[in-house]
């Protein structure tokens, strides 16, 4: 029987002696191929049988790896056409995670370009959002967020100095810093709406004039109820989806009796 056509994974090998399951190793290979551009957005990944033949694993293992990446939103399966790299990133709105964590889960290298890291006194808007006095000192972070070297969002974050003494403590992930001081947000309220990028913002994200932004406002709280974070994020509307799962509220639903 003729060997299947070589794929992007032809020169790789999985370690059967590793404690990491083979399907997990394959997922990492696929993510690395995506990050390096070996498989671009909207490209089809190789067929299951070809990946299995190249790596010497079963199609069941390949199918399991691919299915989970589809569930994560990294890949999309199109009936009769194959499995493709998803062009738009999805972020579930049911879990309180930071941008860095979301990129890492997708196998994408997170990056940042700092626009501002400074200390000041809370503005009336910040004071109201964080439930602090207008004269309270705060740390401010303004940055462009990157996923796999692509600018995807601009974020403006304000944190009371009692929780973040210096904004210079944040090199990539704010939540990592807050976790290290036991001030990781426990819950958050978010608002989402469509807006237009300002000309300055559009230029920073390499977008054209009048490009649409997904504006997200987040107010995060500690377990004791104190507000720890006020973030305003402007995501690229052409590459980001926010996803939430809805379930039937059986407590308020009344079904007709069958007699």
Protein backbone atom coordinates (compact mmCIF):
# COMPACT_ATOMS: atom_id res chain seq x y z
CA UNK A 1 0.00 0.00 0.00
CA UNK A 2 1.42 3.39 -1.05
CA UNK A 3 2.40 5.79 1.71
CA UNK A 4 0.18 8.84 2.11
CA UNK A 5 1.42 12.20 0.85
CA UNK A 6 3.83 13.97 3.20
CA UNK A 7 2.40 16.68 5.45
CA UNK A 8 3.70 19.58 7.51
CA UNK A 9 4.28 17.02 10.28
CA UNK A 10 6.43 14.66 8.20
CA UNK A 11 9.68 15.59 9.94
CA UNK A 12 8.29 15.35 13.48
CA UNK A 13 8.01 12.44 15.87
CA UNK A 14 5.88 11.87 18.95
CA UNK A 15 7.36 10.39 22.10
CA UNK A 16 5.45 7.23 23.05
CA UNK A 17 7.44 7.00 26.29
CA UNK A 18 6.36 10.42 27.47
CA UNK A 19 3.77 10.75 30.26
CA UNK A 20 2.01 13.26 28.01
CA UNK A 21 -0.64 11.41 25.93
CA UNK A 22 0.01 11.20 22.20
CA UNK A 23 -3.08 13.22 21.33
CA UNK A 24 -1.86 16.03 23.60
CA UNK A 25 1.55 15.96 21.90
CA UNK A 26 -0.19 16.18 18.53
CA UNK A 27 -2.26 19.15 19.71
CA UNK A 28 0.94 20.94 20.66
CA UNK A 29 2.42 20.20 17.23
CA UNK A 30 -0.66 21.65 15.53
CA UNK A 31 -0.55 24.76 17.73
CA UNK A 32 3.15 25.26 17.01
CA UNK A 33 2.52 24.90 13.27
CA UNK A 34 -0.19 27.55 13.52
CA UNK A 35 2.01 29.88 15.56
CA UNK A 36 4.94 29.55 13.13
CA UNK A 37 2.68 30.11 10.14
CA UNK A 38 3.22 26.65 8.67
CA UNK A 39 -0.57 26.40 8.71
CA UNK A 40 -2.16 29.80 8.12
CA UNK A 41 -5.59 31.11 9.00
CA UNK A 42 -8.29 29.48 6.83
CA UNK A 43 -5.83 26.77 5.68
CA UNK A 44 -6.98 23.17 5.89
CA UNK A 45 -4.95 20.95 8.16
CA UNK A 46 -3.82 17.61 6.67
CA UNK A 47 -6.31 14.76 6.54
CA UNK A 48 -6.53 12.44 9.54
CA UNK A 49 -5.12 9.49 7.63
CA UNK A 50 -2.11 11.52 6.42
CA UNK A 51 -1.28 12.85 9.89
CA UNK A 52 -1.63 9.35 11.33
CA UNK A 53 0.67 7.88 8.65
CA UNK A 54 3.34 10.56 9.08
CA UNK A 55 3.46 10.31 12.88
CA UNK A 56 2.86 6.57 13.17
CA UNK A 57 -0.23 6.91 15.35
CA UNK A 58 -3.82 5.77 15.03
CA UNK A 59 -6.54 7.80 13.37
CA UNK A 60 -8.48 7.55 16.64
CA UNK A 61 -5.67 9.51 18.34
CA UNK A 62 -5.68 12.12 15.58
CA UNK A 63 -9.46 12.41 15.71
CA UNK A 64 -9.40 12.99 19.49
CA UNK A 65 -6.73 15.69 19.20
CA UNK A 66 -8.57 17.50 16.41
CA UNK A 67 -11.96 17.25 18.11
CA UNK A 68 -10.66 18.96 21.25
CA UNK A 69 -9.03 21.75 19.22
CA UNK A 70 -12.37 22.28 17.50
CA UNK A 71 -14.03 22.49 20.91
CA UNK A 72 -11.42 25.08 21.98
CA UNK A 73 -12.25 27.20 18.93
CA UNK A 74 -8.85 26.85 17.26
CA UNK A 75 -10.11 24.72 14.38
CA UNK A 76 -13.40 24.49 12.53
CA UNK A 77 -14.78 21.51 10.64
CA UNK A 78 -16.67 22.13 7.40
CA UNK A 79 -18.89 19.35 6.16
CA UNK A 80 -17.38 17.68 3.11
CA UNK A 81 -14.43 20.08 2.97
CA UNK A 82 -12.16 19.23 5.91
CA UNK A 83 -10.81 20.87 9.04
CA UNK A 84 -9.52 24.43 8.89
CA UNK A 85 -7.63 26.90 11.06
CA UNK A 86 -10.19 29.28 12.45
CA UNK A 87 -9.69 32.87 11.39
CA UNK A 88 -11.48 34.49 14.32
CA UNK A 89 -10.56 33.96 17.95
CA UNK A 90 -13.29 33.15 20.44
CA UNK A 91 -13.30 34.08 24.09
CA UNK A 92 -15.86 32.49 26.40
CA UNK A 93 -17.59 35.02 28.63
CA UNK A 94 -18.43 32.53 31.36
CA UNK A 95 -14.88 32.31 32.77
CA UNK A 96 -12.80 35.04 34.40
CA UNK A 97 -9.46 34.82 32.61
CA UNK A 98 -6.92 37.31 31.38
CA UNK A 99 -5.78 37.92 27.81
CA UNK A 100 -2.42 36.21 28.38
CA UNK A 101 -4.13 33.06 29.66
CA UNK A 102 -6.50 32.97 26.68
CA UNK A 103 -3.66 33.24 24.16
CA UNK A 104 -1.65 30.54 25.93
CA UNK A 105 -4.66 28.18 25.87
CA UNK A 106 -4.79 28.62 22.10
CA UNK A 107 -1.11 27.83 21.71
CA UNK A 108 -0.45 31.41 20.61
CA UNK A 109 2.39 33.50 21.99
CA UNK A 110 0.96 36.56 23.78
CA UNK A 111 2.71 39.86 23.36
CA UNK A 112 2.41 43.46 24.47
CA UNK A 113 3.46 46.92 23.35
CA UNK A 114 3.28 49.44 26.15
CA UNK A 115 1.65 52.79 25.51
CA UNK A 116 1.72 53.95 29.13
CA UNK A 117 2.54 52.73 32.63
CA UNK A 118 1.99 55.45 35.18
CA UNK A 119 0.70 56.42 38.62
CA UNK A 120 -1.91 59.12 39.21
CA UNK A 121 -5.06 59.97 41.10
CA UNK A 122 -8.37 58.42 40.16
CA UNK A 123 -10.55 60.33 37.73
CA UNK A 124 -14.26 60.65 38.54
CA UNK A 125 -15.01 57.78 36.10
CA UNK A 126 -12.32 55.55 37.61
CA UNK A 127 -13.37 56.40 41.17
CA UNK A 128 -16.98 55.48 40.40
CA UNK A 129 -16.00 52.24 38.67
CA UNK A 130 -13.68 51.16 41.49
CA UNK A 131 -15.79 52.58 44.34
CA UNK A 132 -12.89 54.66 45.67
CA UNK A 133 -12.43 58.34 46.53
CA UNK A 134 -11.52 60.62 43.59
CA UNK A 135 -8.15 61.46 45.18
CA UNK A 136 -7.07 57.82 45.62
CA UNK A 137 -3.81 56.88 43.91
CA UNK A 138 -4.06 54.34 41.10
CA UNK A 139 -1.74 52.49 38.72
CA UNK A 140 -2.59 52.80 35.04
CA UNK A 141 -1.70 50.44 32.21
CA UNK A 142 -2.25 51.20 28.52
CA UNK A 143 -1.10 48.62 26.01
CA UNK A 144 -1.58 46.94 22.66
CA UNK A 145 -2.20 43.21 23.09
CA UNK A 146 -0.78 40.75 20.55
CA UNK A 147 -1.62 37.16 19.66
CA UNK A 148 0.98 35.36 17.52
CA UNK A 149 2.54 38.73 16.57
CA UNK A 150 -0.80 40.15 15.43
CA UNK A 151 -2.20 43.22 17.24
CA UNK A 152 -5.71 42.30 18.35
CA UNK A 153 -6.70 44.77 21.07
CA UNK A 154 -5.94 47.99 22.91
CA UNK A 155 -6.46 47.93 26.66
CA UNK A 156 -6.67 50.65 29.30
CA UNK A 157 -6.55 49.32 32.87
CA UNK A 158 -6.75 51.07 36.22
CA UNK A 159 -5.89 49.35 39.52
CA UNK A 160 -5.83 50.96 42.98
CA UNK A 161 -2.23 51.26 44.20
CA UNK A 162 -3.11 49.30 47.31
CA UNK A 163 -3.30 46.25 45.00
CA UNK A 164 -0.66 47.28 42.43
CA UNK A 165 1.96 49.57 44.03
CA UNK A 166 3.80 50.08 40.75
CA UNK A 167 2.60 49.53 37.18
CA UNK A 168 6.16 48.53 36.27
CA UNK A 169 5.55 45.24 38.08
CA UNK A 170 3.47 44.16 35.08
CA UNK A 171 5.62 42.95 32.21
CA UNK A 172 3.02 40.83 30.40
CA UNK A 173 0.16 39.58 32.60
CA UNK A 174 -1.57 41.74 35.20
CA UNK A 175 -3.39 38.72 36.59
CA UNK A 176 -0.08 36.93 37.23
CA UNK A 177 1.06 39.87 39.37
CA UNK A 178 -2.26 40.08 41.23
CA UNK A 179 -2.20 36.32 41.81
CA UNK A 180 1.28 36.54 43.34
CA UNK A 181 0.00 39.04 45.93
CA UNK A 182 -3.26 37.17 46.61
CA UNK A 183 -5.33 39.84 44.85
CA UNK A 184 -6.51 37.78 41.87
CA UNK A 185 -10.04 38.86 40.83
CA UNK A 186 -12.74 36.49 42.05
CA UNK A 187 -15.65 37.77 39.97
CA UNK A 188 -16.27 40.44 37.34
CA UNK A 189 -18.99 42.38 35.59
CA UNK A 190 -18.58 42.94 31.86
CA UNK A 191 -20.33 45.09 29.30
CA UNK A 192 -19.88 44.62 25.58
CA UNK A 193 -20.92 46.83 22.69
CA UNK A 194 -19.87 47.81 19.18
CA UNK A 195 -17.95 51.02 18.61
CA UNK A 196 -15.75 52.58 15.96
CA UNK A 197 -12.02 52.80 16.51
CA UNK A 198 -10.68 56.32 16.66
CA UNK A 199 -8.22 57.12 13.83
CA UNK A 200 -5.34 56.87 16.33
CA UNK A 201 -6.45 53.45 17.60
CA UNK A 202 -7.05 52.14 14.09
CA UNK A 203 -3.51 53.11 13.12
CA UNK A 204 -2.06 51.33 16.16
CA UNK A 205 -3.84 48.11 15.12
CA UNK A 206 -3.00 48.48 11.42
CA UNK A 207 -6.66 48.97 10.53
CA UNK A 208 -8.42 51.28 8.12
CA UNK A 209 -10.51 54.28 9.06
CA UNK A 210 -13.96 53.62 10.57
CA UNK A 211 -13.06 50.04 11.51
CA UNK A 212 -15.43 48.38 13.98
CA UNK A 213 -14.28 47.58 17.50
CA UNK A 214 -15.77 45.26 20.10
CA UNK A 215 -15.64 47.41 23.22
CA UNK A 216 -15.52 45.52 26.50
CA UNK A 217 -15.64 47.14 29.92
CA UNK A 218 -14.67 44.95 32.88
CA UNK A 219 -14.96 45.69 36.59
CA UNK A 220 -13.34 42.95 38.69
CA UNK A 221 -13.72 42.27 42.39
CA UNK A 222 -12.01 40.36 45.19
CA UNK A 223 -13.83 37.83 47.34
CA UNK A 224 -14.41 40.52 49.98
CA UNK A 225 -16.19 42.71 47.44
CA UNK A 226 -13.47 45.34 46.89
CA UNK A 227 -12.99 46.43 43.28
CA UNK A 228 -9.51 45.55 42.04
CA UNK A 229 -9.61 46.29 38.30
CA UNK A 230 -11.28 48.62 35.83
CA UNK A 231 -10.41 47.71 32.24
CA UNK A 232 -11.62 49.13 28.95
CA UNK A 233 -10.65 46.99 25.97
CA UNK A 234 -11.07 47.64 22.26
CA UNK A 235 -10.85 44.38 20.30
CA UNK A 236 -10.55 44.06 16.54
CA UNK A 237 -14.03 43.34 15.23
CA UNK A 238 -12.61 41.39 12.28
CA UNK A 239 -10.84 38.75 14.34
CA UNK A 240 -12.49 38.35 17.73
CA UNK A 241 -15.74 36.76 18.89
CA UNK A 242 -17.06 36.65 22.44
CA UNK A 243 -19.04 33.50 23.15
CA UNK A 244 -21.43 32.70 25.98
CA UNK A 245 -23.39 29.55 26.71
CA UNK A 246 -27.04 29.87 27.66
CA UNK A 247 -29.09 27.27 29.50
CA UNK A 248 -32.80 26.93 30.09
CA UNK A 249 -33.83 28.30 33.48
CA UNK A 250 -35.89 25.39 34.75
CA UNK A 251 -36.86 27.33 37.88
CA UNK A 252 -38.90 29.88 35.98
CA UNK A 253 -40.08 27.72 33.09
CA UNK A 254 -43.55 26.27 33.36
CA UNK A 255 -44.55 23.41 31.12
CA UNK A 256 -48.19 22.48 30.48
CA UNK A 257 -49.39 19.45 32.34
CA UNK A 258 -50.15 16.34 30.33
CA UNK A 259 -53.29 14.57 31.52
